[in-house]
Amino acid sequence: MLNFSPEIKRNFLIMVNAIKGLYIECDIPMAQLIINMNGALPQSQKFIIHVLDNTRIFVRSDMAGQIRSAIATFREQNTYEKPS
């Protein structure tokens, strides 16, 4: 029988959970757009894993295309064109 020190035994009890995701760093309005987009979805389709702070979000990596598309649409709707 192996006899481990209490410190080694304690380290065996620590479990690590790893989640594959996408780290997004953006300005506050874009972060709010992503958070609102997530909030409009049913619980089973939510994609935000963790909001780190006002400008950094960790999301499911399979949602990258949809987030990019929503941001592109948002930017097109909020683009100022100087009248001629």
PDB file of N, CA and C in Angstrom:
ATOM      1  N   MET A   1       0.845  -1.184   0.000  1.00  0.00           N
ATOM      2  CA  MET A   1       0.000   0.000   0.000  1.00  0.00           C
ATOM      3  C   MET A   1       0.883   1.238   0.000  1.00  0.00           C
ATOM      4  N   LEU A   2       0.547   2.188  -0.867  1.00  0.00           N
ATOM      5  CA  LEU A   2       1.296   3.436  -0.934  1.00  0.00           C
ATOM      6  C   LEU A   2       0.832   4.370   0.164  1.00  0.00           C
ATOM      7  N   ASN A   3       1.783   5.070   0.751  1.00  0.00           N
ATOM      8  CA  ASN A   3       1.459   6.007   1.819  1.00  0.00           C
ATOM      9  C   ASN A   3       1.857   7.407   1.350  1.00  0.00           C
ATOM     10  N   PHE A   4       0.862   8.267   1.102  1.00  0.00           N
ATOM     11  CA  PHE A   4       1.111   9.616   0.614  1.00  0.00           C
ATOM     12  C   PHE A   4       1.017  10.620   1.746  1.00  0.00           C
ATOM     13  N   SER A   5       1.753  11.710   1.610  1.00  0.00           N
ATOM     14  CA  SER A   5       1.682  12.787   2.598  1.00  0.00           C
ATOM     15  C   SER A   5       0.319  13.475   2.489  1.00  0.00           C
ATOM     16  N   PRO A   6      -0.103  14.160   3.553  1.00  0.00           N
ATOM     17  CA  PRO A   6      -1.398  14.864   3.506  1.00  0.00           C
ATOM     18  C   PRO A   6      -1.480  15.887   2.367  1.00  0.00           C
ATOM     19  N   GLU A   7      -0.359  16.540   2.049  1.00  0.00           N
ATOM     20  CA  GLU A   7      -0.371  17.529   0.969  1.00  0.00           C
ATOM     21  C   GLU A   7      -0.638  16.865  -0.381  1.00  0.00           C
ATOM     22  N   ILE A   8      -0.031  15.732  -0.635  1.00  0.00           N
ATOM     23  CA  ILE A   8      -0.256  15.011  -1.889  1.00  0.00           C
ATOM     24  C   ILE A   8      -1.686  14.491  -1.938  1.00  0.00           C
ATOM     25  N   LYS A   9      -2.203  14.002  -0.830  1.00  0.00           N
ATOM     26  CA  LYS A   9      -3.594  13.526  -0.792  1.00  0.00           C
ATOM     27  C   LYS A   9      -4.553  14.666  -1.123  1.00  0.00           C
ATOM     28  N   ARG A  10      -4.274  15.850  -0.584  1.00  0.00           N
ATOM     29  CA  ARG A  10      -5.134  17.009  -0.831  1.00  0.00           C
ATOM     30  C   ARG A  10      -5.097  17.382  -2.318  1.00  0.00           C
ATOM     31  N   ASN A  11      -3.938  17.294  -2.948  1.00  0.00           N
ATOM     32  CA  ASN A  11      -3.820  17.615  -4.373  1.00  0.00           C
ATOM     33  C   ASN A  11      -4.584  16.632  -5.239  1.00  0.00           C
ATOM     34  N   PHE A  12      -4.708  15.382  -4.803  1.00  0.00           N
ATOM     35  CA  PHE A  12      -5.482  14.404  -5.554  1.00  0.00           C
ATOM     36  C   PHE A  12      -6.967  14.740  -5.538  1.00  0.00           C
ATOM     37  N   LEU A  13      -7.415  15.428  -4.508  1.00  0.00           N
ATOM     38  CA  LEU A  13      -8.834  15.738  -4.368  1.00  0.00           C
ATOM     39  C   LEU A  13      -9.256  16.955  -5.186  1.00  0.00           C
ATOM     40  N   ILE A  14      -8.301  17.739  -5.655  1.00  0.00           N
ATOM     41  CA  ILE A  14      -8.624  18.919  -6.459  1.00  0.00           C
ATOM     42  C   ILE A  14      -8.969  18.462  -7.869  1.00  0.00           C
ATOM     43  N   MET A  15     -10.157  18.855  -8.331  1.00  0.00           N
ATOM     44  CA  MET A  15     -10.600  18.480  -9.669  1.00  0.00           C
ATOM     45  C   MET A  15     -10.599  19.728 -10.547  1.00  0.00           C
ATOM     46  N   VAL A  16     -10.223  19.555 -11.775  1.00  0.00           N
ATOM     47  CA  VAL A  16     -10.180  20.661 -12.727  1.00  0.00           C
ATOM     48  C   VAL A  16     -11.250  20.436 -13.782  1.00  0.00           C
ATOM     49  N   ASN A  17     -12.049  21.457 -14.025  1.00  0.00           N
ATOM     50  CA  ASN A  17     -13.044  21.408 -15.095  1.00  0.00           C
ATOM     51  C   ASN A  17     -12.566  22.316 -16.217  1.00  0.00           C
ATOM     52  N   ALA A  18     -12.439  21.772 -17.397  1.00  0.00           N
ATOM     53  CA  ALA A  18     -12.022  22.558 -18.556  1.00  0.00           C
ATOM     54  C   ALA A  18     -13.165  22.605 -19.560  1.00  0.00           C
ATOM     55  N   ILE A  19     -13.411  23.783 -20.078  1.00  0.00           N
ATOM     56  CA  ILE A  19     -14.470  23.972 -21.064  1.00  0.00           C
ATOM     57  C   ILE A  19     -13.854  24.659 -22.274  1.00  0.00           C
ATOM     58  N   LYS A  20     -14.096  24.103 -23.445  1.00  0.00           N
ATOM     59  CA  LYS A  20     -13.603  24.721 -24.672  1.00  0.00           C
ATOM     60  C   LYS A  20     -14.519  25.887 -25.015  1.00  0.00           C
ATOM     61  N   GLY A  21     -13.922  27.032 -25.270  1.00  0.00           N
ATOM     62  CA  GLY A  21     -14.730  28.192 -25.575  1.00  0.00           C
ATOM     63  C   GLY A  21     -13.954  29.240 -26.333  1.00  0.00           C
ATOM     64  N   LEU A  22     -14.594  30.371 -26.507  1.00  0.00           N
ATOM     65  CA  LEU A  22     -14.037  31.488 -27.254  1.00  0.00           C
ATOM     66  C   LEU A  22     -13.970  32.693 -26.318  1.00  0.00           C
ATOM     67  N   TYR A  23     -12.793  33.290 -26.222  1.00  0.00           N
ATOM     68  CA  TYR A  23     -12.583  34.473 -25.393  1.00  0.00           C
ATOM     69  C   TYR A  23     -12.819  35.701 -26.263  1.00  0.00           C
ATOM     70  N   ILE A  24     -13.747  36.544 -25.847  1.00  0.00           N
ATOM     71  CA  ILE A  24     -14.060  37.761 -26.604  1.00  0.00           C
ATOM     72  C   ILE A  24     -13.710  38.969 -25.747  1.00  0.00           C
ATOM     73  N   GLU A  25     -12.907  39.869 -26.318  1.00  0.00           N
ATOM     74  CA  GLU A  25     -12.612  41.137 -25.665  1.00  0.00           C
ATOM     75  C   GLU A  25     -13.069  42.241 -26.609  1.00  0.00           C
ATOM     76  N   CYS A  26     -13.932  43.112 -26.119  1.00  0.00           N
ATOM     77  CA  CYS A  26     -14.512  44.153 -26.961  1.00  0.00           C
ATOM     78  C   CYS A  26     -14.853  45.363 -26.098  1.00  0.00           C
ATOM     79  N   ASP A  27     -15.399  46.396 -26.736  1.00  0.00           N
ATOM     80  CA  ASP A  27     -15.826  47.553 -25.959  1.00  0.00           C
ATOM     81  C   ASP A  27     -17.163  47.242 -25.273  1.00  0.00           C
ATOM     82  N   ILE A  28     -17.563  48.103 -24.373  1.00  0.00           N
ATOM     83  CA  ILE A  28     -18.761  47.858 -23.556  1.00  0.00           C
ATOM     84  C   ILE A  28     -20.032  47.738 -24.395  1.00  0.00           C
ATOM     85  N   PRO A  29     -20.278  48.598 -25.400  1.00  0.00           N
ATOM     86  CA  PRO A  29     -21.502  48.426 -26.196  1.00  0.00           C
ATOM     87  C   PRO A  29     -21.576  47.073 -26.909  1.00  0.00           C
ATOM     88  N   MET A  30     -20.457  46.601 -27.444  1.00  0.00           N
ATOM     89  CA  MET A  30     -20.457  45.291 -28.112  1.00  0.00           C
ATOM     90  C   MET A  30     -20.693  44.169 -27.102  1.00  0.00           C
ATOM     91  N   ALA A  31     -20.105  44.297 -25.921  1.00  0.00           N
ATOM     92  CA  ALA A  31     -20.323  43.288 -24.881  1.00  0.00           C
ATOM     93  C   ALA A  31     -21.798  43.253 -24.487  1.00  0.00           C
ATOM     94  N   GLN A  32     -22.419  44.420 -24.368  1.00  0.00           N
ATOM     95  CA  GLN A  32     -23.842  44.472 -24.031  1.00  0.00           C
ATOM     96  C   GLN A  32     -24.694  43.868 -25.141  1.00  0.00           C
ATOM     97  N   LEU A  33     -24.307  44.083 -26.392  1.00  0.00           N
ATOM     98  CA  LEU A  33     -25.013  43.470 -27.513  1.00  0.00           C
ATOM     99  C   LEU A  33     -24.964  41.944 -27.392  1.00  0.00           C
ATOM    100  N   ILE A  34     -23.791  41.402 -27.104  1.00  0.00           N
ATOM    101  CA  ILE A  34     -23.633  39.948 -26.976  1.00  0.00           C
ATOM    102  C   ILE A  34     -24.431  39.424 -25.788  1.00  0.00           C
ATOM    103  N   ILE A  35     -24.391  40.131 -24.668  1.00  0.00           N
ATOM    104  CA  ILE A  35     -25.136  39.712 -23.472  1.00  0.00           C
ATOM    105  C   ILE A  35     -26.638  39.753 -23.740  1.00  0.00           C
ATOM    106  N   ASN A  36     -27.125  40.804 -24.412  1.00  0.00           N
ATOM    107  CA  ASN A  36     -28.553  40.898 -24.739  1.00  0.00           C
ATOM    108  C   ASN A  36     -28.973  39.823 -25.729  1.00  0.00           C
ATOM    109  N   MET A  37     -28.099  39.531 -26.684  1.00  0.00           N
ATOM    110  CA  MET A  37     -28.366  38.465 -27.651  1.00  0.00           C
ATOM    111  C   MET A  37     -28.518  37.125 -26.927  1.00  0.00           C
ATOM    112  N   ASN A  38     -27.640  36.877 -25.973  1.00  0.00           N
ATOM    113  CA  ASN A  38     -27.700  35.653 -25.177  1.00  0.00           C
ATOM    114  C   ASN A  38     -28.977  35.618 -24.332  1.00  0.00           C
ATOM    115  N   GLY A  39     -29.348  36.763 -23.764  1.00  0.00           N
ATOM    116  CA  GLY A  39     -30.525  36.834 -22.908  1.00  0.00           C
ATOM    117  C   GLY A  39     -31.831  36.591 -23.638  1.00  0.00           C
ATOM    118  N   ALA A  40     -31.850  36.839 -24.944  1.00  0.00           N
ATOM    119  CA  ALA A  40     -33.068  36.649 -25.734  1.00  0.00           C
ATOM    120  C   ALA A  40     -33.296  35.189 -26.114  1.00  0.00           C
ATOM    121  N   LEU A  41     -32.320  34.347 -25.860  1.00  0.00           N
ATOM    122  CA  LEU A  41     -32.430  32.932 -26.241  1.00  0.00           C
ATOM    123  C   LEU A  41     -33.020  32.094 -25.113  1.00  0.00           C
ATOM    124  N   PRO A  42     -33.647  30.955 -25.451  1.00  0.00           N
ATOM    125  CA  PRO A  42     -34.092  30.033 -24.405  1.00  0.00           C
ATOM    126  C   PRO A  42     -32.882  29.449 -23.669  1.00  0.00           C
ATOM    127  N   GLN A  43     -33.099  28.996 -22.466  1.00  0.00           N
ATOM    128  CA  GLN A  43     -32.018  28.491 -21.613  1.00  0.00           C
ATOM    129  C   GLN A  43     -31.158  27.439 -22.317  1.00  0.00           C
ATOM    130  N   SER A  44     -31.767  26.576 -23.101  1.00  0.00           N
ATOM    131  CA  SER A  44     -31.024  25.494 -23.754  1.00  0.00           C
ATOM    132  C   SER A  44     -30.091  25.986 -24.857  1.00  0.00           C
ATOM    133  N   GLN A  45     -30.286  27.218 -25.325  1.00  0.00           N
ATOM    134  CA  GLN A  45     -29.471  27.745 -26.421  1.00  0.00           C
ATOM    135  C   GLN A  45     -28.514  28.849 -25.991  1.00  0.00           C
ATOM    136  N   LYS A  46     -28.487  29.175 -24.708  1.00  0.00           N
ATOM    137  CA  LYS A  46     -27.600  30.244 -24.236  1.00  0.00           C
ATOM    138  C   LYS A  46     -26.146  29.852 -24.491  1.00  0.00           C
ATOM    139  N   PHE A  47     -25.339  30.824 -24.870  1.00  0.00           N
ATOM    140  CA  PHE A  47     -23.971  30.536 -25.281  1.00  0.00           C
ATOM    141  C   PHE A  47     -22.901  31.175 -24.411  1.00  0.00           C
ATOM    142  N   ILE A  48     -23.257  32.081 -23.516  1.00  0.00           N
ATOM    143  CA  ILE A  48     -22.250  32.691 -22.644  1.00  0.00           C
ATOM    144  C   ILE A  48     -21.914  31.709 -21.530  1.00  0.00           C
ATOM    145  N   ILE A  49     -20.628  31.389 -21.426  1.00  0.00           N
ATOM    146  CA  ILE A  49     -20.158  30.514 -20.359  1.00  0.00           C
ATOM    147  C   ILE A  49     -19.892  31.345 -19.110  1.00  0.00           C
ATOM    148  N   HIS A  50     -19.217  32.500 -19.294  1.00  0.00           N
ATOM    149  CA  HIS A  50     -18.921  33.357 -18.147  1.00  0.00           C
ATOM    150  C   HIS A  50     -18.641  34.785 -18.621  1.00  0.00           C
ATOM    151  N   VAL A  51     -19.230  35.760 -17.935  1.00  0.00           N
ATOM    152  CA  VAL A  51     -18.910  37.168 -18.180  1.00  0.00           C
ATOM    153  C   VAL A  51     -17.770  37.509 -17.226  1.00  0.00           C
ATOM    154  N   LEU A  52     -16.599  37.799 -17.781  1.00  0.00           N
ATOM    155  CA  LEU A  52     -15.417  38.045 -16.959  1.00  0.00           C
ATOM    156  C   LEU A  52     -15.421  39.454 -16.372  1.00  0.00           C
ATOM    157  N   ASP A  53     -15.754  40.446 -17.186  1.00  0.00           N
ATOM    158  CA  ASP A  53     -15.945  41.826 -16.730  1.00  0.00           C
ATOM    159  C   ASP A  53     -16.721  42.578 -17.814  1.00  0.00           C
ATOM    160  N   ASN A  54     -16.701  43.905 -17.779  1.00  0.00           N
ATOM    161  CA  ASN A  54     -17.504  44.698 -18.720  1.00  0.00           C
ATOM    162  C   ASN A  54     -17.096  44.544 -20.176  1.00  0.00           C
ATOM    163  N   THR A  55     -15.875  44.123 -20.425  1.00  0.00           N
ATOM    164  CA  THR A  55     -15.381  44.066 -21.801  1.00  0.00           C
ATOM    165  C   THR A  55     -14.879  42.690 -22.220  1.00  0.00           C
ATOM    166  N   ARG A  56     -14.955  41.702 -21.341  1.00  0.00           N
ATOM    167  CA  ARG A  56     -14.435  40.368 -21.671  1.00  0.00           C
ATOM    168  C   ARG A  56     -15.479  39.307 -21.343  1.00  0.00           C
ATOM    169  N   ILE A  57     -15.731  38.429 -22.324  1.00  0.00           N
ATOM    170  CA  ILE A  57     -16.758  37.393 -22.196  1.00  0.00           C
ATOM    171  C   ILE A  57     -16.183  36.080 -22.713  1.00  0.00           C
ATOM    172  N   PHE A  58     -16.535  34.986 -22.059  1.00  0.00           N
ATOM    173  CA  PHE A  58     -16.135  33.648 -22.496  1.00  0.00           C
ATOM    174  C   PHE A  58     -17.397  32.946 -22.982  1.00  0.00           C
ATOM    175  N   VAL A  59     -17.418  32.533 -24.259  1.00  0.00           N
ATOM    176  CA  VAL A  59     -18.619  31.959 -24.877  1.00  0.00           C
ATOM    177  C   VAL A  59     -18.306  30.603 -25.502  1.00  0.00           C
ATOM    178  N   ARG A  60     -19.373  29.869 -25.835  1.00  0.00           N
ATOM    179  CA  ARG A  60     -19.203  28.595 -26.551  1.00  0.00           C
ATOM    180  C   ARG A  60     -18.577  28.871 -27.910  1.00  0.00           C
ATOM    181  N   SER A  61     -17.600  28.073 -28.283  1.00  0.00           N
ATOM    182  CA  SER A  61     -16.869  28.325 -29.532  1.00  0.00           C
ATOM    183  C   SER A  61     -17.714  28.078 -30.777  1.00  0.00           C
ATOM    184  N   ASP A  62     -18.752  27.259 -30.679  1.00  0.00           N
ATOM    185  CA  ASP A  62     -19.582  26.982 -31.860  1.00  0.00           C
ATOM    186  C   ASP A  62     -20.478  28.159 -32.241  1.00  0.00           C
ATOM    187  N   MET A  63     -20.529  29.185 -31.425  1.00  0.00           N
ATOM    188  CA  MET A  63     -21.377  30.349 -31.691  1.00  0.00           C
ATOM    189  C   MET A  63     -20.616  31.513 -32.333  1.00  0.00           C
ATOM    190  N   ALA A  64     -19.351  31.323 -32.656  1.00  0.00           N
ATOM    191  CA  ALA A  64     -18.524  32.418 -33.189  1.00  0.00           C
ATOM    192  C   ALA A  64     -19.140  33.047 -34.437  1.00  0.00           C
ATOM    193  N   GLY A  65     -19.598  32.237 -35.369  1.00  0.00           N
ATOM    194  CA  GLY A  65     -20.176  32.759 -36.608  1.00  0.00           C
ATOM    195  C   GLY A  65     -21.428  33.576 -36.369  1.00  0.00           C
ATOM    196  N   GLN A  66     -22.295  33.114 -35.486  1.00  0.00           N
ATOM    197  CA  GLN A  66     -23.535  33.840 -35.207  1.00  0.00           C
ATOM    198  C   GLN A  66     -23.259  35.156 -34.487  1.00  0.00           C
ATOM    199  N   ILE A  67     -22.273  35.153 -33.598  1.00  0.00           N
ATOM    200  CA  ILE A  67     -21.921  36.392 -32.900  1.00  0.00           C
ATOM    201  C   ILE A  67     -21.334  37.396 -33.891  1.00  0.00           C
ATOM    202  N   ARG A  68     -20.443  36.935 -34.769  1.00  0.00           N
ATOM    203  CA  ARG A  68     -19.861  37.826 -35.787  1.00  0.00           C
ATOM    204  C   ARG A  68     -20.945  38.412 -36.690  1.00  0.00           C
ATOM    205  N   SER A  69     -21.906  37.580 -37.069  1.00  0.00           N
ATOM    206  CA  SER A  69     -22.996  38.030 -37.929  1.00  0.00           C
ATOM    207  C   SER A  69     -23.842  39.094 -37.231  1.00  0.00           C
ATOM    208  N   ALA A  70     -24.157  38.878 -35.965  1.00  0.00           N
ATOM    209  CA  ALA A  70     -24.955  39.848 -35.206  1.00  0.00           C
ATOM    210  C   ALA A  70     -24.206  41.168 -35.055  1.00  0.00           C
ATOM    211  N   ILE A  71     -22.908  41.100 -34.826  1.00  0.00           N
ATOM    212  CA  ILE A  71     -22.103  42.323 -34.696  1.00  0.00           C
ATOM    213  C   ILE A  71     -22.045  43.065 -36.030  1.00  0.00           C
ATOM    214  N   ALA A  72     -21.886  42.340 -37.129  1.00  0.00           N
ATOM    215  CA  ALA A  72     -21.852  42.976 -38.454  1.00  0.00           C
ATOM    216  C   ALA A  72     -23.173  43.672 -38.752  1.00  0.00           C
ATOM    217  N   THR A  73     -24.289  43.019 -38.437  1.00  0.00           N
ATOM    218  CA  THR A  73     -25.611  43.620 -38.643  1.00  0.00           C
ATOM    219  C   THR A  73     -25.766  44.872 -37.789  1.00  0.00           C
ATOM    220  N   PHE A  74     -25.344  44.796 -36.531  1.00  0.00           N
ATOM    221  CA  PHE A  74     -25.417  45.932 -35.613  1.00  0.00           C
ATOM    222  C   PHE A  74     -24.599  47.108 -36.147  1.00  0.00           C
ATOM    223  N   ARG A  75     -23.413  46.837 -36.638  1.00  0.00           N
ATOM    224  CA  ARG A  75     -22.561  47.907 -37.170  1.00  0.00           C
ATOM    225  C   ARG A  75     -23.155  48.537 -38.420  1.00  0.00           C
ATOM    226  N   GLU A  76     -23.746  47.722 -39.283  1.00  0.00           N
ATOM    227  CA  GLU A  76     -24.378  48.256 -40.497  1.00  0.00           C
ATOM    228  C   GLU A  76     -25.550  49.165 -40.151  1.00  0.00           C
ATOM    229  N   GLN A  77     -26.321  48.789 -39.131  1.00  0.00           N
ATOM    230  CA  GLN A  77     -27.482  49.583 -38.727  1.00  0.00           C
ATOM    231  C   GLN A  77     -27.071  50.883 -38.055  1.00  0.00           C
ATOM    232  N   ASN A  78     -25.876  50.931 -37.496  1.00  0.00           N
ATOM    233  CA  ASN A  78     -25.427  52.098 -36.746  1.00  0.00           C
ATOM    234  C   ASN A  78     -24.290  52.844 -37.430  1.00  0.00           C
ATOM    235  N   THR A  79     -24.214  52.732 -38.739  1.00  0.00           N
ATOM    236  CA  THR A  79     -23.188  53.438 -39.498  1.00  0.00           C
ATOM    237  C   THR A  79     -23.747  54.781 -39.953  1.00  0.00           C
ATOM    238  N   TYR A  80     -22.993  55.815 -39.704  1.00  0.00           N
ATOM    239  CA  TYR A  80     -23.404  57.161 -40.105  1.00  0.00           C
ATOM    240  C   TYR A  80     -22.938  57.421 -41.526  1.00  0.00           C
ATOM    241  N   GLU A  81     -23.862  57.852 -42.356  1.00  0.00           N
ATOM    242  CA  GLU A  81     -23.521  58.250 -43.718  1.00  0.00           C
ATOM    243  C   GLU A  81     -23.797  59.736 -43.859  1.00  0.00           C
ATOM    244  N   LYS A  82     -22.792  60.454 -44.245  1.00  0.00           N
ATOM    245  CA  LYS A  82     -22.924  61.899 -44.405  1.00  0.00           C
ATOM    246  C   LYS A  82     -23.846  62.192 -45.584  1.00  0.00           C
ATOM    247  N   PRO A  83     -24.877  63.035 -45.352  1.00  0.00           N
ATOM    248  CA  PRO A  83     -25.772  63.379 -46.466  1.00  0.00           C
ATOM    249  C   PRO A  83     -25.016  64.162 -47.539  1.00  0.00           C
ATOM    250  N   SER A  84     -25.412  63.933 -48.788  1.00  0.00           N
ATOM    251  CA  SER A  84     -24.716  64.647 -49.873  1.00  0.00           C
ATOM    252  C   SER A  84     -25.392  65.938 -50.240  1.00  0.00           C
TER     253      SER A  84
END
